[in-house]
Amino acid sequence: MPPASEADLASLADALGPLDAQLAALWRITRGSSTDSDQPMFQRPGFVDALDFLTPQQSIAQAQAMEKRAQRMWDLAGPASDDRRLTGRWWHAGWQPFASFYGDIVLLIDHHPGPEGTVGQVITYAHDPDQISWIAPTFSAYLQAAADSMDQDREEFLNGPLEGA
């Protein structure tokens, strides 16, 4: 896909707060995953899953969907996590979704961490069982951990065998 426009990024920042600089740099390279591609861009380290890179508009829509269901999740399940790096909430306006597997797994940049977390950490929402989990202290640390995880299981992530690997 072509790069995200500065207007796209400004709309995203207006909706979700200041953007993570490294994530914004990636959006300036590509607006997101192509809808006609079966090759995912992201994975949760240690899991065999495949997540698409959200466009800025999809990121806003994902945030709105998560915000809409947050109270219902609290009512059904109580706190989302007892990890002190996290707030325990099901949604916070300082979260920025950037990757998703049909909304059932969502990776987010967290600009409002818990008392032992760090601003800019990467967290995930996973459905069934519903939970919010800590992934990495920064976007760059996440990218490295995800690359290492993909490297350990290349054929699964890349949808087939690699030539000469």
C-alpha atoms as a PDB file:
ATOM      1  CA  MET A   1       0.000   0.000   0.000  1.00  0.00           C
ATOM      2  CA  PRO A   2       1.127   3.568  -0.464  1.00  0.00           C
ATOM      3  CA  PRO A   3       2.283   5.592   2.553  1.00  0.00           C
ATOM      4  CA  ALA A   4      -0.206   7.136   4.940  1.00  0.00           C
ATOM      5  CA  SER A   5      -0.663  10.822   4.322  1.00  0.00           C
ATOM      6  CA  GLU A   6       0.206  13.411   6.925  1.00  0.00           C
ATOM      7  CA  ALA A   7      -3.530  14.191   7.026  1.00  0.00           C
ATOM      8  CA  ASP A   8      -4.229  10.519   7.876  1.00  0.00           C
ATOM      9  CA  LEU A   9      -1.681  10.632  10.692  1.00  0.00           C
ATOM     10  CA  ALA A  10      -3.001  13.968  11.964  1.00  0.00           C
ATOM     11  CA  SER A  11      -6.549  12.515  12.078  1.00  0.00           C
ATOM     12  CA  LEU A  12      -5.240   9.495  13.964  1.00  0.00           C
ATOM     13  CA  ALA A  13      -3.382  11.695  16.461  1.00  0.00           C
ATOM     14  CA  ASP A  14      -6.494  13.851  16.911  1.00  0.00           C
ATOM     15  CA  ALA A  15      -8.569  10.740  17.656  1.00  0.00           C
ATOM     16  CA  LEU A  16      -6.091   8.749  19.778  1.00  0.00           C
ATOM     17  CA  GLY A  17      -3.451  11.159  21.038  1.00  0.00           C
ATOM     18  CA  PRO A  18       0.223  11.613  20.163  1.00  0.00           C
ATOM     19  CA  LEU A  19       1.543   8.864  17.899  1.00  0.00           C
ATOM     20  CA  ASP A  20       4.459   6.618  18.715  1.00  0.00           C
ATOM     21  CA  ALA A  21       7.295   8.000  16.538  1.00  0.00           C
ATOM     22  CA  GLN A  22       8.470   4.598  15.284  1.00  0.00           C
ATOM     23  CA  LEU A  23       4.956   3.463  14.459  1.00  0.00           C
ATOM     24  CA  ALA A  24       4.251   6.759  12.659  1.00  0.00           C
ATOM     25  CA  ALA A  25       7.475   6.231  10.667  1.00  0.00           C
ATOM     26  CA  LEU A  26       6.177   2.811   9.565  1.00  0.00           C
ATOM     27  CA  TRP A  27       2.853   4.334   8.511  1.00  0.00           C
ATOM     28  CA  ARG A  28       4.843   6.839   6.462  1.00  0.00           C
ATOM     29  CA  ILE A  29       6.295   3.865   4.550  1.00  0.00           C
ATOM     30  CA  THR A  30       3.019   1.989   4.086  1.00  0.00           C
ATOM     31  CA  ARG A  31      -0.528   2.906   5.052  1.00  0.00           C
ATOM     32  CA  GLY A  32      -1.222  -0.657   6.218  1.00  0.00           C
ATOM     33  CA  SER A  33      -1.665  -4.199   4.966  1.00  0.00           C
ATOM     34  CA  SER A  34      -3.230  -4.710   1.585  1.00  0.00           C
ATOM     35  CA  THR A  35      -6.677  -6.267   1.767  1.00  0.00           C
ATOM     36  CA  ASP A  36      -5.830  -8.557  -1.170  1.00  0.00           C
ATOM     37  CA  SER A  37      -2.666  -9.930   0.453  1.00  0.00           C
ATOM     38  CA  ASP A  38      -2.657 -13.161   2.418  1.00  0.00           C
ATOM     39  CA  GLN A  39       0.742 -12.337   3.936  1.00  0.00           C
ATOM     40  CA  PRO A  40       0.468 -10.906   7.452  1.00  0.00           C
ATOM     41  CA  MET A  41       2.822  -8.245   8.777  1.00  0.00           C
ATOM     42  CA  PHE A  42       2.789  -8.883  12.532  1.00  0.00           C
ATOM     43  CA  GLN A  43       2.795 -11.710  15.045  1.00  0.00           C
ATOM     44  CA  ARG A  44       2.628 -11.927  18.819  1.00  0.00           C
ATOM     45  CA  PRO A  45       5.998 -13.229  19.994  1.00  0.00           C
ATOM     46  CA  GLY A  46       5.698 -16.863  20.993  1.00  0.00           C
ATOM     47  CA  PHE A  47       2.386 -17.401  19.199  1.00  0.00           C
ATOM     48  CA  VAL A  48       1.615 -18.678  15.741  1.00  0.00           C
ATOM     49  CA  ASP A  49      -0.778 -15.953  14.693  1.00  0.00           C
ATOM     50  CA  ALA A  50      -0.865 -13.527  11.818  1.00  0.00           C
ATOM     51  CA  LEU A  51      -2.000  -9.950  12.229  1.00  0.00           C
ATOM     52  CA  ASP A  52      -2.620  -7.324   9.582  1.00  0.00           C
ATOM     53  CA  PHE A  53      -1.153  -3.831   9.838  1.00  0.00           C
ATOM     54  CA  LEU A  54      -4.099  -1.474  10.347  1.00  0.00           C
ATOM     55  CA  THR A  55      -4.441   1.654   8.268  1.00  0.00           C
ATOM     56  CA  PRO A  56      -4.854   4.858  10.309  1.00  0.00           C
ATOM     57  CA  GLN A  57      -8.598   4.774   9.565  1.00  0.00           C
ATOM     58  CA  GLN A  58      -8.841   1.119  10.660  1.00  0.00           C
ATOM     59  CA  SER A  59      -6.916   1.991  13.823  1.00  0.00           C
ATOM     60  CA  ILE A  60      -9.509   4.626  14.712  1.00  0.00           C
ATOM     61  CA  ALA A  61     -12.371   2.206  13.969  1.00  0.00           C
ATOM     62  CA  GLN A  62     -10.730  -0.520  16.100  1.00  0.00           C
ATOM     63  CA  ALA A  63     -10.274   1.928  18.975  1.00  0.00           C
ATOM     64  CA  GLN A  64     -13.934   2.955  18.748  1.00  0.00           C
ATOM     65  CA  ALA A  65     -15.043  -0.693  18.802  1.00  0.00           C
ATOM     66  CA  MET A  66     -12.872  -1.450  21.833  1.00  0.00           C
ATOM     67  CA  GLU A  67     -14.108   1.635  23.659  1.00  0.00           C
ATOM     68  CA  LYS A  68     -17.718   0.678  22.927  1.00  0.00           C
ATOM     69  CA  ARG A  69     -17.385  -2.782  24.477  1.00  0.00           C
ATOM     70  CA  ALA A  70     -15.103  -1.843  27.405  1.00  0.00           C
ATOM     71  CA  GLN A  71     -17.862  -1.363  30.000  1.00  0.00           C
ATOM     72  CA  ARG A  72     -19.562  -4.605  29.012  1.00  0.00           C
ATOM     73  CA  MET A  73     -16.228  -6.432  29.349  1.00  0.00           C
ATOM     74  CA  TRP A  74     -15.706  -4.925  32.819  1.00  0.00           C
ATOM     75  CA  ASP A  75     -19.216  -5.970  33.848  1.00  0.00           C
ATOM     76  CA  LEU A  76     -18.678  -9.537  32.595  1.00  0.00           C
ATOM     77  CA  ALA A  77     -15.072 -10.193  33.525  1.00  0.00           C
ATOM     78  CA  GLY A  78     -13.871  -7.501  35.927  1.00  0.00           C
ATOM     79  CA  PRO A  79     -10.332  -6.149  35.454  1.00  0.00           C
ATOM     80  CA  ALA A  80      -8.605  -7.029  32.175  1.00  0.00           C
ATOM     81  CA  SER A  81      -5.344  -7.916  33.909  1.00  0.00           C
ATOM     82  CA  ASP A  82      -3.622  -7.855  37.273  1.00  0.00           C
ATOM     83  CA  ASP A  83      -0.223  -7.177  35.641  1.00  0.00           C
ATOM     84  CA  ARG A  84       1.055  -3.959  37.273  1.00  0.00           C
ATOM     85  CA  ARG A  85       2.524  -2.821  33.933  1.00  0.00           C
ATOM     86  CA  LEU A  86      -1.096  -2.459  32.785  1.00  0.00           C
ATOM     87  CA  THR A  87      -4.011  -0.397  34.073  1.00  0.00           C
ATOM     88  CA  GLY A  88      -6.419  -3.332  34.377  1.00  0.00           C
ATOM     89  CA  ARG A  89      -8.852  -1.548  32.063  1.00  0.00           C
ATOM     90  CA  TRP A  90     -10.422  -2.954  28.909  1.00  0.00           C
ATOM     91  CA  TRP A  91      -9.908   0.322  27.067  1.00  0.00           C
ATOM     92  CA  HIS A  92      -8.001   3.545  27.579  1.00  0.00           C
ATOM     93  CA  ALA A  93      -8.017   6.600  25.331  1.00  0.00           C
ATOM     94  CA  GLY A  94      -4.208   6.491  25.335  1.00  0.00           C
ATOM     95  CA  TRP A  95      -4.079   3.178  23.469  1.00  0.00           C
ATOM     96  CA  GLN A  96      -3.320   3.065  19.751  1.00  0.00           C
ATOM     97  CA  PRO A  97      -4.284  -0.110  17.866  1.00  0.00           C
ATOM     98  CA  PHE A  98      -1.862  -0.914  15.046  1.00  0.00           C
ATOM     99  CA  ALA A  99      -2.380  -4.581  14.149  1.00  0.00           C
ATOM    100  CA  SER A 100      -5.316  -6.937  14.286  1.00  0.00           C
ATOM    101  CA  PHE A 101      -6.583 -10.386  13.455  1.00  0.00           C
ATOM    102  CA  TYR A 102     -10.248  -9.606  12.742  1.00  0.00           C
ATOM    103  CA  GLY A 103     -10.497  -7.730  16.061  1.00  0.00           C
ATOM    104  CA  ASP A 104     -10.044 -10.966  18.031  1.00  0.00           C
ATOM    105  CA  ILE A 105      -6.373 -10.184  18.611  1.00  0.00           C
ATOM    106  CA  VAL A 106      -5.267  -6.545  18.637  1.00  0.00           C
ATOM    107  CA  LEU A 107      -1.811  -5.098  19.211  1.00  0.00           C
ATOM    108  CA  LEU A 108      -1.710  -1.618  20.736  1.00  0.00           C
ATOM    109  CA  ILE A 109       0.785   1.045  21.763  1.00  0.00           C
ATOM    110  CA  ASP A 110       0.038   1.986  25.384  1.00  0.00           C
ATOM    111  CA  HIS A 111       0.530   5.643  26.308  1.00  0.00           C
ATOM    112  CA  HIS A 112      -1.174   5.220  29.702  1.00  0.00           C
ATOM    113  CA  PRO A 113       0.529   2.242  31.367  1.00  0.00           C
ATOM    114  CA  GLY A 114       0.064   0.908  34.867  1.00  0.00           C
ATOM    115  CA  PRO A 115       2.394   1.903  37.723  1.00  0.00           C
ATOM    116  CA  GLU A 116       5.147  -0.514  36.652  1.00  0.00           C
ATOM    117  CA  GLY A 117       4.728  -0.067  32.897  1.00  0.00           C
ATOM    118  CA  THR A 118       6.405   2.272  30.438  1.00  0.00           C
ATOM    119  CA  VAL A 119       4.862   4.808  28.089  1.00  0.00           C
ATOM    120  CA  GLY A 120       5.006   3.350  24.583  1.00  0.00           C
ATOM    121  CA  GLN A 121       4.898  -0.288  25.663  1.00  0.00           C
ATOM    122  CA  VAL A 122       3.156  -2.769  23.372  1.00  0.00           C
ATOM    123  CA  ILE A 123       0.147  -4.619  24.743  1.00  0.00           C
ATOM    124  CA  THR A 124      -2.407  -6.977  23.259  1.00  0.00           C
ATOM    125  CA  TYR A 125      -6.092  -7.659  23.550  1.00  0.00           C
ATOM    126  CA  ALA A 126      -6.918 -11.305  22.883  1.00  0.00           C
ATOM    127  CA  HIS A 127     -10.409 -12.761  22.738  1.00  0.00           C
ATOM    128  CA  ASP A 128     -11.322 -16.176  24.128  1.00  0.00           C
ATOM    129  CA  PRO A 129     -10.326 -16.005  26.828  1.00  0.00           C
ATOM    130  CA  ASP A 130     -10.613 -12.241  26.893  1.00  0.00           C
ATOM    131  CA  GLN A 131      -7.514 -10.604  28.326  1.00  0.00           C
ATOM    132  CA  ILE A 132      -5.139  -7.690  27.970  1.00  0.00           C
ATOM    133  CA  SER A 133      -1.468  -8.712  28.125  1.00  0.00           C
ATOM    134  CA  TRP A 134       1.908  -7.009  28.091  1.00  0.00           C
ATOM    135  CA  ILE A 135       4.072  -7.807  25.036  1.00  0.00           C
ATOM    136  CA  ALA A 136       7.159  -5.540  24.996  1.00  0.00           C
ATOM    137  CA  PRO A 137       8.534  -2.345  26.574  1.00  0.00           C
ATOM    138  CA  THR A 138       8.712  -0.436  23.240  1.00  0.00           C
ATOM    139  CA  PHE A 139       7.617  -0.755  19.620  1.00  0.00           C
ATOM    140  CA  SER A 140      11.195  -1.460  18.514  1.00  0.00           C
ATOM    141  CA  ALA A 141      11.587  -4.160  21.191  1.00  0.00           C
ATOM    142  CA  TYR A 142       8.297  -5.664  20.002  1.00  0.00           C
ATOM    143  CA  LEU A 143       9.501  -5.680  16.373  1.00  0.00           C
ATOM    144  CA  GLN A 144      12.683  -7.509  17.396  1.00  0.00           C
ATOM    145  CA  ALA A 145      10.817 -10.065  19.528  1.00  0.00           C
ATOM    146  CA  ALA A 146       8.275 -10.644  16.746  1.00  0.00           C
ATOM    147  CA  ALA A 147      11.044 -11.032  14.138  1.00  0.00           C
ATOM    148  CA  ASP A 148      12.812 -13.552  16.368  1.00  0.00           C
ATOM    149  CA  SER A 149       9.561 -15.463  16.852  1.00  0.00           C
ATOM    150  CA  MET A 150       8.824 -15.462  13.111  1.00  0.00           C
ATOM    151  CA  ASP A 151      12.351 -16.635  12.378  1.00  0.00           C
ATOM    152  CA  GLN A 152      11.830 -19.645  14.641  1.00  0.00           C
ATOM    153  CA  ASP A 153       8.712 -20.685  12.710  1.00  0.00           C
ATOM    154  CA  ARG A 154       9.200 -19.158   9.249  1.00  0.00           C
ATOM    155  CA  GLU A 155       7.172 -21.602   7.215  1.00  0.00           C
ATOM    156  CA  GLU A 156       4.093 -21.167   9.417  1.00  0.00           C
ATOM    157  CA  PHE A 157       4.247 -17.380   9.408  1.00  0.00           C
ATOM    158  CA  LEU A 158       5.185 -16.982   5.758  1.00  0.00           C
ATOM    159  CA  ASN A 159       2.435 -19.307   4.524  1.00  0.00           C
ATOM    160  CA  GLY A 160       4.755 -21.930   3.047  1.00  0.00           C
ATOM    161  CA  PRO A 161       8.322 -23.155   2.663  1.00  0.00           C
ATOM    162  CA  LEU A 162      11.159 -20.762   1.966  1.00  0.00           C
ATOM    163  CA  GLU A 163      13.361 -21.392  -1.037  1.00  0.00           C
ATOM    164  CA  GLY A 164      16.928 -22.171   0.057  1.00  0.00           C
ATOM    165  CA  ALA A 165      16.263 -21.603   3.769  1.00  0.00           C
END
